Protein backbone atom coordinates (compact mmCIF):
# COMPACT_ATOMS: atom_id res chain seq x y z
CA MET A 1 76.93 9.15 -12.08
CA ASP A 2 73.90 11.19 -9.74
CA ALA A 3 74.59 14.31 -8.65
CA PRO A 4 75.94 14.36 -5.30
CA LEU A 5 73.84 15.05 -2.32
CA ALA A 6 73.29 18.06 -0.09
CA VAL A 7 70.13 16.70 2.15
CA ARG A 8 69.17 12.89 2.29
CA ALA A 9 66.91 11.97 4.84
CA ARG A 10 65.26 9.35 5.59
CA GLY A 11 61.48 7.72 7.26
CA ILE A 12 61.69 11.20 9.17
CA THR A 13 58.99 11.50 11.55
CA LYS A 14 58.49 14.42 14.03
CA CYS A 15 56.44 14.94 17.42
CA PHE A 16 55.14 17.93 19.30
CA GLY A 17 53.15 16.21 22.44
CA ASP A 18 50.41 13.84 20.29
CA VAL A 19 50.38 16.49 17.43
CA VAL A 20 52.89 14.87 14.51
CA ALA A 21 53.94 17.17 12.23
CA LEU A 22 56.36 14.71 9.83
CA ASP A 23 55.59 11.51 9.33
CA GLY A 24 57.99 8.81 7.69
CA VAL A 25 59.12 11.65 5.40
CA ASP A 26 61.92 10.63 2.77
CA LEU A 27 63.44 13.78 1.16
CA GLU A 28 66.47 14.48 -1.32
CA VAL A 29 67.91 17.25 -2.03
CA THR A 30 70.11 17.84 -5.36
CA ARG A 31 73.71 20.18 -5.25
CA GLY A 32 73.10 22.70 -7.09
CA ARG A 33 69.39 22.78 -7.36
CA ILE A 34 66.53 24.83 -6.08
CA HIS A 35 63.79 22.41 -4.44
CA GLY A 36 60.79 23.73 -3.26
CA LEU A 37 58.35 22.08 -0.33
CA VAL A 38 55.21 23.73 -0.63
CA GLY A 39 52.26 22.29 0.99
CA PRO A 40 48.64 23.48 2.89
CA ASN A 41 49.09 25.39 5.96
CA GLY A 42 49.94 22.44 9.23
CA ALA A 43 51.02 20.01 6.69
CA GLY A 44 54.63 20.11 8.70
CA LYS A 45 56.72 22.29 6.22
CA THR A 46 58.35 25.03 9.04
CA THR A 47 59.10 21.69 11.06
CA LEU A 48 61.38 19.98 8.01
CA LEU A 49 62.94 23.35 7.49
CA GLY A 50 63.70 23.70 11.02
CA LEU A 51 65.42 20.10 10.85
CA LEU A 52 67.50 21.04 7.88
CA LEU A 53 68.28 24.58 10.63
CA GLY A 54 69.70 22.35 13.25
CA LEU A 55 66.58 24.21 14.86
CA ALA A 56 65.16 20.78 16.40
CA ALA A 57 66.13 16.81 16.03
CA ALA A 58 64.20 14.48 14.10
CA ASP A 59 62.54 11.66 16.87
CA ARG A 60 62.92 8.75 14.21
CA GLY A 61 64.73 8.77 11.19
CA SER A 62 67.50 9.80 9.24
CA LEU A 63 69.31 12.31 8.03
CA GLU A 64 72.46 13.43 6.66
CA ILE A 65 72.92 17.22 5.25
CA LEU A 66 76.28 17.97 2.94
CA ARG A 67 77.31 14.13 3.79
CA THR A 68 77.38 14.65 7.59
CA PRO A 69 75.36 12.21 9.83
CA VAL A 70 72.66 14.79 11.98
CA GLY A 71 72.28 13.25 15.53
CA ARG A 72 69.53 13.19 17.83
CA ALA A 73 70.54 16.98 19.53
CA PRO A 74 69.73 19.57 17.54
CA ALA A 75 72.37 21.15 15.33
CA ALA A 76 73.79 21.61 11.63
CA PRO A 77 76.96 21.21 9.88
CA ASP A 78 78.79 24.11 8.97
CA GLY A 79 77.75 25.24 5.51
CA VAL A 80 74.04 24.92 6.33
CA ALA A 81 72.32 28.92 6.25
CA GLY A 82 68.68 30.28 6.21
CA PHE A 83 65.66 31.38 7.87
CA VAL A 84 62.33 29.74 8.96
CA ASP A 85 59.10 32.32 10.02
CA GLY A 86 61.35 35.27 8.98
CA PRO A 87 65.02 36.19 9.77
CA GLY A 88 66.19 37.26 12.92
CA LEU A 89 66.70 41.31 13.31
CA TYR A 90 67.75 43.60 15.74
CA PRO A 91 65.10 46.82 14.77
CA SER A 92 67.47 49.22 16.96
CA LEU A 93 70.26 48.20 14.51
CA THR A 94 70.80 49.37 10.62
CA ALA A 95 70.91 47.59 8.26
CA ARG A 96 75.01 47.50 8.00
CA GLN A 97 74.95 46.53 11.90
CA ASN A 98 72.84 43.65 11.75
CA LEU A 99 75.24 41.66 9.87
CA ALA A 100 78.23 43.27 10.98
CA ALA A 101 77.26 42.40 14.28
CA LEU A 102 76.78 38.62 13.17
CA ALA A 103 79.50 37.96 11.44
CA ALA A 104 81.36 39.06 14.75
CA LEU A 105 78.93 36.46 16.76
CA ARG A 106 80.46 33.78 14.28
CA GLY A 107 83.51 34.12 14.74
CA GLY A 108 84.60 36.21 11.85
CA GLY A 109 84.69 39.98 12.98
CA ARG A 110 83.28 42.44 11.86
CA ASN A 111 84.70 42.23 8.39
CA GLY A 112 83.01 45.43 6.44
CA LYS A 113 82.99 44.31 3.39
CA ALA A 114 81.86 40.96 3.29
CA VAL A 115 79.14 42.87 4.81
CA ALA A 116 79.15 45.52 2.53
CA ASP A 117 79.15 43.09 -0.41
CA ALA A 118 76.27 41.02 0.76
CA LEU A 119 73.88 43.88 1.22
CA ASP A 120 74.90 44.69 -2.32
CA ARG A 121 74.67 41.29 -3.98
CA VAL A 122 70.37 41.59 -1.96
CA GLY A 123 70.44 45.77 -3.58
CA LEU A 124 70.15 46.55 -0.44
CA SER A 125 73.23 48.70 -0.28
CA ASP A 126 71.46 52.34 -0.37
CA VAL A 127 69.88 52.26 2.89
CA ALA A 128 72.04 50.09 3.80
CA ASP A 129 72.14 52.80 7.35
CA ASP A 130 68.87 52.96 7.33
CA ARG A 131 67.69 50.74 10.50
CA ALA A 132 66.20 47.58 10.07
CA GLY A 133 63.03 48.40 12.64
CA GLY A 134 61.91 50.44 9.77
CA PHE A 135 62.36 48.32 6.92
CA SER A 136 59.24 46.25 4.98
CA LEU A 137 58.50 43.08 4.94
CA GLY A 138 60.69 42.54 1.83
CA MET A 139 63.03 44.85 2.96
CA ARG A 140 63.42 42.35 5.98
CA GLN A 141 63.58 39.21 3.72
CA ARG A 142 65.69 40.54 1.66
CA LEU A 143 68.11 41.31 5.08
CA GLY A 144 67.71 37.89 6.60
CA LEU A 145 69.06 36.46 2.83
CA ALA A 146 72.29 39.23 2.96
CA ALA A 147 72.58 37.43 6.35
CA ALA A 148 72.32 33.84 5.09
CA LEU A 149 75.31 34.72 2.57
CA LEU A 150 77.76 36.24 5.28
CA ALA A 151 78.06 31.90 6.08
CA ARG A 152 79.18 31.44 2.09
CA PRO A 153 75.82 28.30 2.94
CA ARG A 154 76.38 25.14 0.48
CA LEU A 155 73.29 24.82 1.78
CA LEU A 156 70.18 27.59 1.96
CA VAL A 157 67.05 27.28 3.64
CA LEU A 158 64.40 30.03 3.10
CA ASP A 159 60.74 30.17 4.29
CA GLU A 160 59.10 32.46 2.10
CA PRO A 161 61.83 34.22 1.28
CA ALA A 162 59.31 36.25 -1.40
CA ASN A 163 56.57 37.14 1.16
CA GLY A 164 56.62 41.04 0.74
CA LEU A 165 58.89 41.70 -2.47
CA ASP A 166 57.79 44.26 -4.79
CA PRO A 167 57.82 42.83 -8.84
CA ALA A 168 61.82 44.52 -8.68
CA GLY A 169 62.55 42.99 -5.41
CA LYS A 170 61.67 39.73 -6.15
CA ARG A 171 63.35 39.56 -10.07
CA HIS A 172 66.38 40.43 -7.87
CA VAL A 173 66.24 38.20 -4.95
CA HIS A 174 65.07 35.38 -7.68
CA GLY A 175 68.31 36.08 -9.82
CA VAL A 176 70.23 35.92 -7.09
CA LEU A 177 69.47 32.35 -6.07
CA HIS A 178 69.85 30.72 -9.07
CA ARG A 179 73.03 32.66 -9.36
CA LEU A 180 73.96 30.53 -5.88
CA ALA A 181 72.18 27.50 -7.43
CA ALA A 182 74.98 27.89 -10.27
CA GLN A 183 77.72 27.53 -8.60
CA GLY A 184 76.89 24.68 -6.60
CA THR A 185 74.82 25.67 -3.51
CA ALA A 186 71.60 23.47 -2.72
CA VAL A 187 68.30 25.72 -1.67
CA VAL A 188 65.59 24.68 -0.52
CA LEU A 189 63.15 26.88 0.10
CA SER A 190 59.10 27.09 1.23
CA SER A 191 56.47 28.85 -1.13
CA HIS A 192 52.48 29.17 -1.47
CA ARG A 193 53.04 30.93 -4.12
CA MET A 194 53.08 28.65 -7.22
CA ASP A 195 54.32 31.21 -9.82
CA ASP A 196 57.95 31.61 -7.23
CA LEU A 197 58.12 28.16 -7.24
CA GLU A 198 57.10 27.86 -11.43
CA ALA A 199 60.28 30.89 -11.91
CA LEU A 200 63.15 28.88 -9.56
CA CYS A 201 63.06 25.37 -8.90
CA SER A 202 63.83 22.53 -10.57
CA GLU A 203 62.28 19.68 -8.46
CA VAL A 204 59.49 20.01 -5.66
CA THR A 205 58.78 18.38 -2.82
CA VAL A 206 54.56 18.30 -1.83
CA LEU A 207 53.69 17.64 1.93
CA ALA A 208 50.00 17.35 3.13
CA THR A 209 49.33 15.96 7.32
CA GLY A 210 53.15 15.30 7.53
CA ARG A 211 53.41 12.98 4.80
CA VAL A 212 55.23 13.62 1.48
CA VAL A 213 52.80 13.06 -1.25
CA PHE A 214 55.18 14.31 -4.59
CA SER A 215 58.44 14.35 -5.08
CA GLY A 216 60.38 14.89 -8.47
CA PRO A 217 61.39 17.02 -11.04
CA LEU A 218 59.03 20.12 -11.10
CA ARG A 219 58.05 19.43 -14.88
CA GLU A 220 56.54 16.03 -13.09
CA LEU A 221 54.00 17.86 -11.25
CA ALA A 222 52.91 20.12 -14.26
CA ALA A 223 52.45 17.73 -16.59
CA GLY A 224 49.89 15.60 -15.47
CA ASP A 225 46.47 14.72 -18.45
CA ARG A 226 43.93 17.03 -16.00
CA GLU A 227 40.92 18.29 -16.87
CA LEU A 228 41.43 22.31 -16.17
CA ASP A 229 39.42 25.35 -16.78
CA TYR A 230 40.76 27.23 -19.23
CA ARG A 231 39.62 31.23 -20.25
CA LEU A 232 39.04 31.26 -24.11
CA LEU A 233 38.83 34.96 -25.89
CA THR A 234 37.27 35.04 -29.42
CA SER A 235 36.58 37.05 -32.24
CA ASP A 236 32.48 35.46 -31.79
CA PRO A 237 31.92 34.48 -28.89
CA ALA A 238 29.01 33.20 -29.98
CA ALA A 239 30.02 31.16 -32.55
CA ALA A 240 33.40 29.62 -29.64
CA ARG A 241 30.40 28.37 -27.63
CA ARG A 242 28.53 26.40 -29.95
CA THR A 243 31.86 25.19 -31.04
CA ALA A 244 32.49 24.67 -27.71
CA ALA A 245 29.16 22.79 -26.46
CA ALA A 246 29.85 20.74 -29.67
CA THR A 247 32.95 19.18 -29.16
CA PRO A 248 33.86 15.76 -27.51
CA GLY A 249 35.80 16.31 -24.25
CA VAL A 250 34.59 20.17 -23.90
CA ARG A 251 32.69 21.06 -21.26
CA LEU A 252 31.52 24.18 -20.14
CA PRO A 253 31.08 24.71 -16.41
CA ASP A 254 27.66 26.14 -15.06
CA PRO A 255 28.65 28.23 -12.36
CA GLY A 256 24.82 26.92 -10.38
CA PRO A 257 21.61 28.96 -9.75
CA GLY A 258 22.52 32.57 -7.63
CA HIS A 259 26.29 32.53 -8.75
CA GLY A 260 27.53 35.03 -11.45
CA PRO A 261 30.10 34.10 -14.71
CA ALA A 262 33.88 32.99 -13.17
CA PRO A 263 35.83 35.42 -11.79
CA GLY A 264 38.03 37.93 -14.13
CA THR A 265 35.26 36.91 -16.82
CA GLU A 266 32.64 39.30 -15.28
CA GLY A 267 31.27 42.19 -18.59
CA SER A 268 34.23 40.78 -21.34
CA ALA A 269 34.16 38.41 -24.06
CA HIS A 270 35.83 35.43 -22.06
CA LEU A 271 34.30 32.40 -22.40
CA VAL A 272 35.63 29.99 -19.39
CA LEU A 273 36.04 25.68 -20.35
CA ARG A 274 36.59 23.16 -18.63
CA ALA A 275 38.91 20.23 -20.53
CA ARG A 276 42.31 17.65 -20.97
CA VAL A 277 44.58 19.17 -23.62
CA PRO A 278 43.52 16.01 -26.56
CA ALA A 279 40.34 18.03 -26.39
CA LEU A 280 41.34 21.71 -26.41
CA ASP A 281 43.82 21.02 -29.59
CA ALA A 282 40.55 19.71 -31.18
CA LEU A 283 38.58 23.20 -30.36
CA VAL A 284 41.26 25.21 -31.63
CA ALA A 285 41.12 23.51 -35.01
CA ARG A 286 37.96 23.97 -35.10
CA LEU A 287 37.46 27.13 -34.35
CA VAL A 288 40.11 28.03 -36.96
CA GLY A 289 38.36 25.79 -39.41
CA ASP A 290 35.25 27.91 -38.84
CA GLY A 291 37.03 31.00 -39.67
CA VAL A 292 36.86 32.41 -35.28
CA ALA A 293 40.28 33.67 -34.08
CA VAL A 294 41.93 32.84 -30.81
CA ARG A 295 43.10 35.54 -29.41
CA GLU A 296 43.85 34.33 -25.59
CA LEU A 297 43.70 30.98 -24.28
CA ALA A 298 45.43 30.12 -20.87
CA PRO A 299 44.81 28.14 -17.80
CA VAL A 300 42.10 30.25 -15.29
CA VAL A 301 44.71 28.09 -12.16
CA SER A 302 48.39 26.72 -13.52
CA PRO A 303 48.79 22.91 -14.38
CA LEU A 304 51.35 23.42 -11.18
CA GLU A 305 48.38 24.79 -8.72
CA ALA A 306 45.76 22.21 -10.62
CA ALA A 307 48.43 19.32 -9.67
CA PHE A 308 49.30 20.64 -5.73
CA LEU A 309 44.99 20.88 -5.24
CA ALA A 310 44.37 17.66 -6.35
CA LEU A 311 47.05 15.91 -4.49
CA THR A 312 46.15 17.86 -1.34
CA GLU A 313 42.76 17.44 -1.13
CA GLN A 314 43.23 13.23 -2.15
CA GLN A 315 45.07 13.23 1.98
CA ARG A 316 42.61 15.12 3.43
CA GLN A 317 40.04 12.28 1.87
CA PRO A 318 39.37 9.28 3.91
CA GLU A 319 41.01 6.28 3.72
CA GLY A 320 37.96 5.05 2.09
CA ALA A 321 37.77 7.95 -0.09
CA ARG A 322 40.97 7.61 -1.88
CA ARG A 323 40.59 4.68 -4.68
């Protein structure tokens, strides 16, 4: 049986005057999964997140959230929480006071235990009585997440939740989101960071110019047999270059006149080459056979980012060039 859906959108269109922000968007978000939303600036991500949070209504199409049809008036069913464009906070209030005020506005009273639990879950207990106006960007993001958790959401919608987080804060937030998904909450998040998507998401939707250009499992997006640039470090760079140049399907990109070596390779023994996976496998076998040790081999750009760039670039091309 198919897993139950938290979001089902069909043909969603949203315009702002003459600007088409979303153009016939279909979206399915499964309960208990973390679904990534990615696209260039202006692709429609924030608009779509706003529709899910009930901050705006679609002009055309159908939207069902937590099995409840959403009409033409901006509204979101109970069980939906999150933020877009950063969380709304009272800078003169402490973290604890912000959450207590929000709990009271939602009709839950000033539940001190729920507030303390939410702060603890996002790792802000130590600064609970500090004013939010003095918080860093990452701390404000975590406080916004705590505010969303107060609602015990079944659908959590987040705009760049890892923005401004240091490595420890990011690991903490990732853990919170993974635990929520394991408990059955659907999470929809936008991010420009491919490493965050890879670490968090099982499903992803790619938007470009208001349209869906891919939607499905993350592994399918990154699995294409594309030619990628790889950074190679060996025990004998000169021999590696000769072997790479003689291996079918492997190219040594020319940086062009007036350009230096590839970024990150200046003054190093790294070799940057371009190949598909089968040709790369053949190169490694040849190097080992020649007695050249392979010490590092990694894509310059992750397969996920390469797929994203290819999809969005194709969408930006004129119709006649997309064949």
